C-alpha atoms as a PDB file:
ATOM      1  CA  MET A   1       6.638  21.625  10.516  1.00  0.00           C
ATOM      2  CA  SER A   2       4.765  24.848   9.860  1.00  0.00           C
ATOM      3  CA  ARG A   3       1.974  23.886  12.249  1.00  0.00           C
ATOM      4  CA  SER A   4       4.067  22.504  15.078  1.00  0.00           C
ATOM      5  CA  LYS A   5       3.744  24.300  18.417  1.00  0.00           C
ATOM      6  CA  ARG A   6       5.348  24.112  21.817  1.00  0.00           C
ATOM      7  CA  LYS A   7       3.404  22.284  24.460  1.00  0.00           C
ATOM      8  CA  THR A   8       4.714  24.347  27.370  1.00  0.00           C
ATOM      9  CA  SER A   9       5.318  28.073  27.466  1.00  0.00           C
ATOM     10  CA  ILE A  10       8.906  28.022  28.690  1.00  0.00           C
ATOM     11  CA  CYS A  11      11.927  29.535  26.953  1.00  0.00           C
ATOM     12  CA  GLY A  12      15.658  29.806  27.631  1.00  0.00           C
ATOM     13  CA  ASN A  13      17.520  32.996  28.566  1.00  0.00           C
ATOM     14  CA  ALA A  14      19.986  32.825  25.666  1.00  0.00           C
ATOM     15  CA  ASN A  15      18.476  35.780  23.804  1.00  0.00           C
ATOM     16  CA  SER A  16      18.205  38.179  26.699  1.00  0.00           C
ATOM     17  CA  CYS A  17      21.821  38.825  27.646  1.00  0.00           C
ATOM     18  CA  SER A  18      25.500  38.067  27.180  1.00  0.00           C
ATOM     19  CA  GLU A  19      27.986  36.346  29.469  1.00  0.00           C
ATOM     20  CA  LYS A  20      30.689  38.911  28.711  1.00  0.00           C
ATOM     21  CA  GLN A  21      30.068  40.993  31.847  1.00  0.00           C
ATOM     22  CA  ASP A  22      29.960  37.880  34.055  1.00  0.00           C
ATOM     23  CA  LYS A  23      33.256  36.642  32.633  1.00  0.00           C
ATOM     24  CA  ARG A  24      34.846  40.050  33.203  1.00  0.00           C
ATOM     25  CA  ILE A  25      33.791  40.065  36.854  1.00  0.00           C
ATOM     26  CA  TYR A  26      35.020  36.529  37.497  1.00  0.00           C
ATOM     27  CA  ASN A  27      38.359  37.125  35.769  1.00  0.00           C
ATOM     28  CA  ARG A  28      38.919  40.338  37.731  1.00  0.00           C
ATOM     29  CA  CYS A  29      38.316  38.465  40.987  1.00  0.00           C
ATOM     30  CA  TYR A  30      40.693  35.721  39.896  1.00  0.00           C
ATOM     31  CA  ARG A  31      43.471  38.134  38.885  1.00  0.00           C
ATOM     32  CA  HIS A  32      43.058  40.037  42.154  1.00  0.00           C
ATOM     33  CA  ALA A  33      43.379  36.805  44.147  1.00  0.00           C
ATOM     34  CA  CYS A  34      46.486  35.804  42.169  1.00  0.00           C
ATOM     35  CA  LYS A  35      48.102  39.186  42.803  1.00  0.00           C
ATOM     36  CA  GLN A  36      47.287  38.999  46.516  1.00  0.00           C
ATOM     37  CA  LEU A  37      48.748  35.500  46.756  1.00  0.00           C
ATOM     38  CA  LEU A  38      51.931  36.452  44.907  1.00  0.00           C
ATOM     39  CA  GLN A  39      52.453  39.520  47.107  1.00  0.00           C
ATOM     40  CA  THR A  40      52.084  37.600  50.349  1.00  0.00           C
ATOM     41  CA  ASP A  41      53.899  34.371  49.400  1.00  0.00           C
ATOM     42  CA  PHE A  42      56.006  34.889  46.276  1.00  0.00           C
ATOM     43  CA  GLU A  43      57.784  31.514  46.604  1.00  0.00           C
ATOM     44  CA  LYS A  44      54.576  29.562  46.263  1.00  0.00           C
ATOM     45  CA  GLU A  45      54.243  28.043  42.798  1.00  0.00           C
ATOM     46  CA  LEU A  46      50.585  27.007  42.846  1.00  0.00           C
ATOM     47  CA  LEU A  47      48.023  29.633  41.950  1.00  0.00           C
ATOM     48  CA  PRO A  48      44.325  29.244  42.775  1.00  0.00           C
ATOM     49  CA  HIS A  49      42.135  27.438  40.277  1.00  0.00           C
ATOM     50  CA  LEU A  50      39.756  29.572  38.211  1.00  0.00           C
ATOM     51  CA  LYS A  51      36.763  27.452  39.270  1.00  0.00           C
ATOM     52  CA  GLU A  52      37.247  28.681  42.855  1.00  0.00           C
ATOM     53  CA  TYR A  53      36.255  32.191  41.769  1.00  0.00           C
ATOM     54  CA  SER A  54      33.784  31.512  38.960  1.00  0.00           C
ATOM     55  CA  ASN A  55      30.528  29.622  38.781  1.00  0.00           C
ATOM     56  CA  PRO A  56      29.241  28.832  35.294  1.00  0.00           C
ATOM     57  CA  TRP A  57      25.837  27.935  36.758  1.00  0.00           C
ATOM     58  CA  GLY A  58      25.486  31.358  38.348  1.00  0.00           C
ATOM     59  CA  MET A  59      25.792  33.420  35.188  1.00  0.00           C
ATOM     60  CA  SER A  60      22.886  35.521  33.992  1.00  0.00           C
ATOM     61  CA  LYS A  61      22.355  33.475  30.838  1.00  0.00           C
ATOM     62  CA  ASP A  62      21.687  30.265  32.753  1.00  0.00           C
ATOM     63  CA  GLY A  63      18.177  28.916  33.248  1.00  0.00           C
ATOM     64  CA  LYS A  64      14.745  29.176  31.704  1.00  0.00           C
ATOM     65  CA  ASN A  65      11.715  31.419  32.197  1.00  0.00           C
ATOM     66  CA  TRP A  66       7.997  31.002  31.803  1.00  0.00           C
ATOM     67  CA  PHE A  67       6.149  33.405  29.519  1.00  0.00           C
ATOM     68  CA  ASP A  68       2.543  34.203  28.734  1.00  0.00           C
ATOM     69  CA  ALA A  69       1.585  32.104  25.710  1.00  0.00           C
ATOM     70  CA  LYS A  70      -1.367  34.347  24.848  1.00  0.00           C
ATOM     71  CA  LYS A  71       0.785  37.479  24.579  1.00  0.00           C
ATOM     72  CA  PHE A  72       3.737  35.939  22.742  1.00  0.00           C
ATOM     73  CA  LEU A  73       2.281  33.700  20.069  1.00  0.00           C
ATOM     74  CA  LYS A  74       5.480  33.761  18.017  1.00  0.00           C
ATOM     75  CA  LEU A  75       7.438  32.159  20.864  1.00  0.00           C
ATOM     76  CA  MET A  76       5.051  29.217  20.891  1.00  0.00           C
ATOM     77  CA  ARG A  77       6.115  28.245  17.366  1.00  0.00           C
ATOM     78  CA  LYS A  78       8.987  25.813  16.956  1.00  0.00           C
END
C-alpha cells in the first residue's frame, strides 16, 4: 500500500475544526427556548425537541473540500 494514491483531490473537514462551539451554540438556544416556554406556560409538560434548534448537517465539520494536489502531495497518499 505504500504506492497507493488518491484518484481525486478531495478531503474531509474533520481535521480543521471541532464541533464543540457548534454544540454550545445549539444547546444555549435550546435552553433559552425551554426557559421562555416554562415562563410563559408553566403548566405545559412538553418541552421542545432538541432537533428543532440544532442541525447536525449545518455544523462546521460537515462536508468535504477540494485541494490542490500539486501543493499538498502528502494528502494524495492513502
